[in-house]
Amino acid sequence: MLGKGGNHIAFGNRMQACFDQPSRHAAALQLTMGRLFPSLATAPVVQSWTGASDRSATGFPFFGRLPGHQRVLYGLGYSGNGVVQSHLGGRILSSLLLGERNAWTDSGLVRGPLAHFPPEPLRWCGAMLVRNAIRRVEQAEDRQHKPRWLDTRLAACAGMAGKTDHPQPSASRR
């Protein structure tokens, strides 16, 4: 699974039809896959999607019960790391569903969101600035160019959600 900043950030967190559409970045994904895994260079990309951006203010996922609707459980804020964290989320949500009291349900992640983004339109504007900086950093790295300083700083705001298929510069080189 690879990403190239193809996510769509919706104003007001509204669900949109484009979330289920193929990625406009499928060609870039194909090139990246071939560079990372040369034996797959000619393998076709079978599926791509745009997807909604699910970023939490802390970068950590959070889980819980919907206030006023105790039968509704949620797991959100995977922040671009959902493949790895799905196992963790499954353990937490299944323990909550079964009414268990254990390390999963006592986890600090089972307190709902621990921080919030600013309200609209600031949230959306900030998200667009960071996402577009991530795209420019990745494009520069793909061309083996040094990214612009401001783009590097803005992309760093995303932390680990700022996925790249290149090694991140060490703190001493930043």
C-alpha atoms as a PDB file:
ATOM      1  CA  MET A   1       0.000   0.000   0.000  1.00  0.00           C
ATOM      2  CA  LEU A   2       1.475   3.306  -1.084  1.00  0.00           C
ATOM      3  CA  GLY A   3       0.297   6.876  -0.806  1.00  0.00           C
ATOM      4  CA  LYS A   4       1.305   9.987  -2.685  1.00  0.00           C
ATOM      5  CA  GLY A   5      -0.750  12.724  -1.074  1.00  0.00           C
ATOM      6  CA  GLY A   6      -3.836  11.816  -3.071  1.00  0.00           C
ATOM      7  CA  ASN A   7      -6.183  12.266  -0.169  1.00  0.00           C
ATOM      8  CA  HIS A   8      -8.994  14.770  -0.322  1.00  0.00           C
ATOM      9  CA  ILE A   9      -9.600  17.118   2.583  1.00  0.00           C
ATOM     10  CA  ALA A  10     -13.243  18.068   2.832  1.00  0.00           C
ATOM     11  CA  PHE A  11     -14.368  21.376   4.255  1.00  0.00           C
ATOM     12  CA  GLY A  12     -16.338  20.780   7.433  1.00  0.00           C
ATOM     13  CA  ASN A  13     -15.414  17.071   7.414  1.00  0.00           C
ATOM     14  CA  ARG A  14     -18.236  16.308   4.991  1.00  0.00           C
ATOM     15  CA  MET A  15     -18.269  12.957   3.221  1.00  0.00           C
ATOM     16  CA  GLN A  16     -17.952  13.377  -0.532  1.00  0.00           C
ATOM     17  CA  ALA A  17     -18.420  11.104  -3.521  1.00  0.00           C
ATOM     18  CA  CYS A  18     -14.811  11.670  -4.613  1.00  0.00           C
ATOM     19  CA  PHE A  19     -13.605   9.605  -1.638  1.00  0.00           C
ATOM     20  CA  ASP A  20     -14.557   6.442  -3.523  1.00  0.00           C
ATOM     21  CA  GLN A  21     -13.047   7.503  -6.852  1.00  0.00           C
ATOM     22  CA  PRO A  22      -9.759   6.229  -8.287  1.00  0.00           C
ATOM     23  CA  SER A  23      -6.711   8.286  -7.383  1.00  0.00           C
ATOM     24  CA  ARG A  24      -5.582  10.995  -9.754  1.00  0.00           C
ATOM     25  CA  HIS A  25      -2.078   9.995  -8.646  1.00  0.00           C
ATOM     26  CA  ALA A  26      -2.184   6.376  -9.864  1.00  0.00           C
ATOM     27  CA  ALA A  27       0.623   6.973 -12.389  1.00  0.00           C
ATOM     28  CA  ALA A  28       2.910   8.387  -9.668  1.00  0.00           C
ATOM     29  CA  LEU A  29       2.056   5.423  -7.473  1.00  0.00           C
ATOM     30  CA  GLN A  30       2.962   3.041 -10.287  1.00  0.00           C
ATOM     31  CA  LEU A  31       6.362   4.726 -10.740  1.00  0.00           C
ATOM     32  CA  THR A  32       7.052   4.695  -7.011  1.00  0.00           C
ATOM     33  CA  MET A  33       6.122   1.035  -6.727  1.00  0.00           C
ATOM     34  CA  GLY A  34       8.532   0.218  -9.568  1.00  0.00           C
ATOM     35  CA  ARG A  35      11.318   2.205  -7.930  1.00  0.00           C
ATOM     36  CA  LEU A  36      10.805   0.604  -4.504  1.00  0.00           C
ATOM     37  CA  PHE A  37      10.131  -2.885  -5.832  1.00  0.00           C
ATOM     38  CA  PRO A  38      11.820  -3.278  -9.243  1.00  0.00           C
ATOM     39  CA  SER A  39      10.360  -6.739  -9.765  1.00  0.00           C
ATOM     40  CA  LEU A  40       6.888  -5.145  -9.619  1.00  0.00           C
ATOM     41  CA  ALA A  41       7.682  -2.342 -12.076  1.00  0.00           C
ATOM     42  CA  THR A  42       5.400  -3.801 -14.725  1.00  0.00           C
ATOM     43  CA  ALA A  43       2.763  -5.168 -12.348  1.00  0.00           C
ATOM     44  CA  PRO A  44      -0.524  -3.362 -12.871  1.00  0.00           C
ATOM     45  CA  VAL A  45      -2.065  -1.294 -10.098  1.00  0.00           C
ATOM     46  CA  VAL A  46      -5.352  -3.111  -9.617  1.00  0.00           C
ATOM     47  CA  GLN A  47      -7.068  -0.633  -7.324  1.00  0.00           C
ATOM     48  CA  SER A  48      -6.564   2.965  -6.266  1.00  0.00           C
ATOM     49  CA  TRP A  49      -8.750   5.377  -4.394  1.00  0.00           C
ATOM     50  CA  THR A  50      -8.727   8.947  -3.206  1.00  0.00           C
ATOM     51  CA  GLY A  51      -9.911   8.442   0.339  1.00  0.00           C
ATOM     52  CA  ALA A  52     -10.767  10.914   3.023  1.00  0.00           C
ATOM     53  CA  SER A  53      -8.013  12.302   5.177  1.00  0.00           C
ATOM     54  CA  ASP A  54      -8.456  11.018   8.730  1.00  0.00           C
ATOM     55  CA  ARG A  55      -5.959  12.970  10.811  1.00  0.00           C
ATOM     56  CA  SER A  56      -6.198  13.548  14.547  1.00  0.00           C
ATOM     57  CA  ALA A  57      -4.742  16.630  16.196  1.00  0.00           C
ATOM     58  CA  THR A  58      -2.335  14.453  18.216  1.00  0.00           C
ATOM     59  CA  GLY A  59      -1.456  12.050  15.406  1.00  0.00           C
ATOM     60  CA  PHE A  60      -2.778   9.154  17.485  1.00  0.00           C
ATOM     61  CA  PRO A  61      -5.990   7.220  16.853  1.00  0.00           C
ATOM     62  CA  PHE A  62      -8.761   7.475  19.406  1.00  0.00           C
ATOM     63  CA  PHE A  63     -11.608   5.175  20.331  1.00  0.00           C
ATOM     64  CA  GLY A  64     -14.745   5.277  22.409  1.00  0.00           C
ATOM     65  CA  ARG A  65     -18.509   5.259  22.583  1.00  0.00           C
ATOM     66  CA  LEU A  66     -20.540   7.988  20.978  1.00  0.00           C
ATOM     67  CA  PRO A  67     -21.952  10.190  23.761  1.00  0.00           C
ATOM     68  CA  GLY A  68     -25.690   9.720  24.022  1.00  0.00           C
ATOM     69  CA  HIS A  69     -25.506   6.588  21.856  1.00  0.00           C
ATOM     70  CA  GLN A  70     -23.710   3.988  23.965  1.00  0.00           C
ATOM     71  CA  ARG A  71     -24.286   1.252  21.372  1.00  0.00           C
ATOM     72  CA  VAL A  72     -22.209   3.162  18.811  1.00  0.00           C
ATOM     73  CA  LEU A  73     -18.454   2.567  19.031  1.00  0.00           C
ATOM     74  CA  TYR A  74     -15.914   4.508  17.018  1.00  0.00           C
ATOM     75  CA  GLY A  75     -12.264   4.406  16.039  1.00  0.00           C
ATOM     76  CA  LEU A  76     -10.942   7.491  14.274  1.00  0.00           C
ATOM     77  CA  GLY A  77      -7.813   9.532  13.687  1.00  0.00           C
ATOM     78  CA  TYR A  78      -5.597   6.851  12.196  1.00  0.00           C
ATOM     79  CA  SER A  79      -3.617   9.703  10.615  1.00  0.00           C
ATOM     80  CA  GLY A  80      -2.477   7.819   7.542  1.00  0.00           C
ATOM     81  CA  ASN A  81      -1.318   4.753   9.454  1.00  0.00           C
ATOM     82  CA  GLY A  82      -4.516   2.712   9.401  1.00  0.00           C
ATOM     83  CA  VAL A  83      -3.072  -0.493   7.982  1.00  0.00           C
ATOM     84  CA  VAL A  84      -0.769  -0.949  10.955  1.00  0.00           C
ATOM     85  CA  GLN A  85      -3.163   0.412  13.549  1.00  0.00           C
ATOM     86  CA  SER A  86      -6.185  -1.581  12.403  1.00  0.00           C
ATOM     87  CA  HIS A  87      -5.097  -4.552  14.524  1.00  0.00           C
ATOM     88  CA  LEU A  88      -4.802  -2.301  17.573  1.00  0.00           C
ATOM     89  CA  GLY A  89      -8.167  -0.715  16.825  1.00  0.00           C
ATOM     90  CA  GLY A  90      -9.808  -4.085  16.360  1.00  0.00           C
ATOM     91  CA  ARG A  91      -8.582  -5.258  19.759  1.00  0.00           C
ATOM     92  CA  ILE A  92      -9.769  -2.067  21.457  1.00  0.00           C
ATOM     93  CA  LEU A  93     -13.168  -1.996  19.764  1.00  0.00           C
ATOM     94  CA  SER A  94     -13.856  -5.689  20.306  1.00  0.00           C
ATOM     95  CA  SER A  95     -12.977  -5.366  24.009  1.00  0.00           C
ATOM     96  CA  LEU A  96     -15.276  -2.344  24.305  1.00  0.00           C
ATOM     97  CA  LEU A  97     -18.061  -4.190  22.493  1.00  0.00           C
ATOM     98  CA  LEU A  98     -17.731  -7.180  24.825  1.00  0.00           C
ATOM     99  CA  GLY A  99     -17.763  -4.911  27.871  1.00  0.00           C
ATOM    100  CA  GLU A 100     -14.362  -6.129  29.008  1.00  0.00           C
ATOM    101  CA  ARG A 101     -12.054  -4.284  31.373  1.00  0.00           C
ATOM    102  CA  ASN A 102      -8.491  -4.965  30.238  1.00  0.00           C
ATOM    103  CA  ALA A 103      -5.335  -3.296  28.915  1.00  0.00           C
ATOM    104  CA  TRP A 104      -7.127  -2.530  25.644  1.00  0.00           C
ATOM    105  CA  THR A 105     -10.093  -0.736  27.209  1.00  0.00           C
ATOM    106  CA  ASP A 106      -7.872   0.969  29.812  1.00  0.00           C
ATOM    107  CA  SER A 107      -5.601   2.357  27.097  1.00  0.00           C
ATOM    108  CA  GLY A 108      -5.162   6.115  26.920  1.00  0.00           C
ATOM    109  CA  LEU A 109      -6.476   5.892  23.360  1.00  0.00           C
ATOM    110  CA  VAL A 110      -9.950   5.080  24.748  1.00  0.00           C
ATOM    111  CA  ARG A 111     -10.702   8.616  25.869  1.00  0.00           C
ATOM    112  CA  GLY A 112     -11.922  10.111  22.644  1.00  0.00           C
ATOM    113  CA  PRO A 113      -9.971  12.868  20.930  1.00  0.00           C
ATOM    114  CA  LEU A 114      -7.289  14.307  23.187  1.00  0.00           C
ATOM    115  CA  ALA A 115      -7.004  17.555  21.235  1.00  0.00           C
ATOM    116  CA  HIS A 116      -8.945  19.375  18.555  1.00  0.00           C
ATOM    117  CA  PHE A 117      -8.070  21.274  15.423  1.00  0.00           C
ATOM    118  CA  PRO A 118      -9.096  24.916  15.080  1.00  0.00           C
ATOM    119  CA  PRO A 119     -12.620  25.490  13.710  1.00  0.00           C
ATOM    120  CA  GLU A 120     -13.435  25.975  10.035  1.00  0.00           C
ATOM    121  CA  PRO A 121     -12.233  27.658   7.921  1.00  0.00           C
ATOM    122  CA  LEU A 122      -8.881  27.617   9.744  1.00  0.00           C
ATOM    123  CA  ARG A 123      -8.774  23.797   9.939  1.00  0.00           C
ATOM    124  CA  TRP A 124      -9.324  23.365   6.215  1.00  0.00           C
ATOM    125  CA  CYS A 125      -6.887  26.116   5.217  1.00  0.00           C
ATOM    126  CA  GLY A 126      -4.179  24.696   7.469  1.00  0.00           C
ATOM    127  CA  ALA A 127      -4.796  21.171   6.232  1.00  0.00           C
ATOM    128  CA  MET A 128      -4.512  22.296   2.619  1.00  0.00           C
ATOM    129  CA  LEU A 129      -1.255  24.148   3.312  1.00  0.00           C
ATOM    130  CA  VAL A 130       0.286  21.090   4.950  1.00  0.00           C
ATOM    131  CA  ARG A 131      -1.034  18.541   2.432  1.00  0.00           C
ATOM    132  CA  ASN A 132       0.161  20.580  -0.544  1.00  0.00           C
ATOM    133  CA  ALA A 133       3.574  21.071   1.079  1.00  0.00           C
ATOM    134  CA  ILE A 134       3.812  17.280   1.530  1.00  0.00           C
ATOM    135  CA  ARG A 135       3.062  16.856  -2.173  1.00  0.00           C
ATOM    136  CA  ARG A 136       5.758  19.378  -3.159  1.00  0.00           C
ATOM    137  CA  VAL A 137       8.321  17.739  -0.848  1.00  0.00           C
ATOM    138  CA  GLU A 138       7.584  14.308  -2.310  1.00  0.00           C
ATOM    139  CA  GLN A 139       7.752  15.650  -5.881  1.00  0.00           C
ATOM    140  CA  ALA A 140      11.130  17.264  -5.194  1.00  0.00           C
ATOM    141  CA  GLU A 141      12.433  14.067  -3.600  1.00  0.00           C
ATOM    142  CA  ASP A 142      11.142  11.985  -6.516  1.00  0.00           C
ATOM    143  CA  ARG A 143      13.210  14.240  -8.814  1.00  0.00           C
ATOM    144  CA  GLN A 144      16.137  13.903  -6.379  1.00  0.00           C
ATOM    145  CA  HIS A 145      16.018  17.633  -5.648  1.00  0.00           C
ATOM    146  CA  LYS A 146      16.195  19.280  -2.275  1.00  0.00           C
ATOM    147  CA  PRO A 147      12.696  20.410  -1.165  1.00  0.00           C
ATOM    148  CA  ARG A 148      12.127  24.066  -0.386  1.00  0.00           C
ATOM    149  CA  TRP A 149      12.733  25.002   3.241  1.00  0.00           C
ATOM    150  CA  LEU A 150       9.172  26.245   3.842  1.00  0.00           C
ATOM    151  CA  ASP A 151       7.642  23.149   2.282  1.00  0.00           C
ATOM    152  CA  THR A 152       9.803  20.968   4.536  1.00  0.00           C
ATOM    153  CA  ARG A 153       8.655  22.883   7.623  1.00  0.00           C
ATOM    154  CA  LEU A 154       4.973  22.781   6.653  1.00  0.00           C
ATOM    155  CA  ALA A 155       5.139  19.062   5.776  1.00  0.00           C
ATOM    156  CA  ALA A 156       6.696  18.364   9.179  1.00  0.00           C
ATOM    157  CA  CYS A 157       3.446  19.555  10.786  1.00  0.00           C
ATOM    158  CA  ALA A 158       1.890  16.285   9.643  1.00  0.00           C
ATOM    159  CA  GLY A 159       4.439  14.172  11.481  1.00  0.00           C
ATOM    160  CA  MET A 160       4.193  10.533  10.469  1.00  0.00           C
ATOM    161  CA  ALA A 161       1.134  11.217   8.319  1.00  0.00           C
ATOM    162  CA  GLY A 162       3.475  13.027   5.952  1.00  0.00           C
ATOM    163  CA  LYS A 163       4.296   9.778   4.233  1.00  0.00           C
ATOM    164  CA  THR A 164       7.139   9.619   1.866  1.00  0.00           C
ATOM    165  CA  ASP A 165       8.974   6.746   0.282  1.00  0.00           C
ATOM    166  CA  HIS A 166      12.289   8.463   1.021  1.00  0.00           C
ATOM    167  CA  PRO A 167      14.152   8.525   4.338  1.00  0.00           C
ATOM    168  CA  GLN A 168      13.264  11.513   6.480  1.00  0.00           C
ATOM    169  CA  PRO A 169      16.102  13.916   7.247  1.00  0.00           C
ATOM    170  CA  SER A 170      17.543  13.479  10.696  1.00  0.00           C
ATOM    171  CA  ALA A 171      16.832  16.159  13.289  1.00  0.00           C
ATOM    172  CA  SER A 172      20.403  17.394  12.964  1.00  0.00           C
ATOM    173  CA  ARG A 173      19.987  17.996   9.217  1.00  0.00           C
ATOM    174  CA  ARG A 174      16.691  19.854   9.544  1.00  0.00           C
END
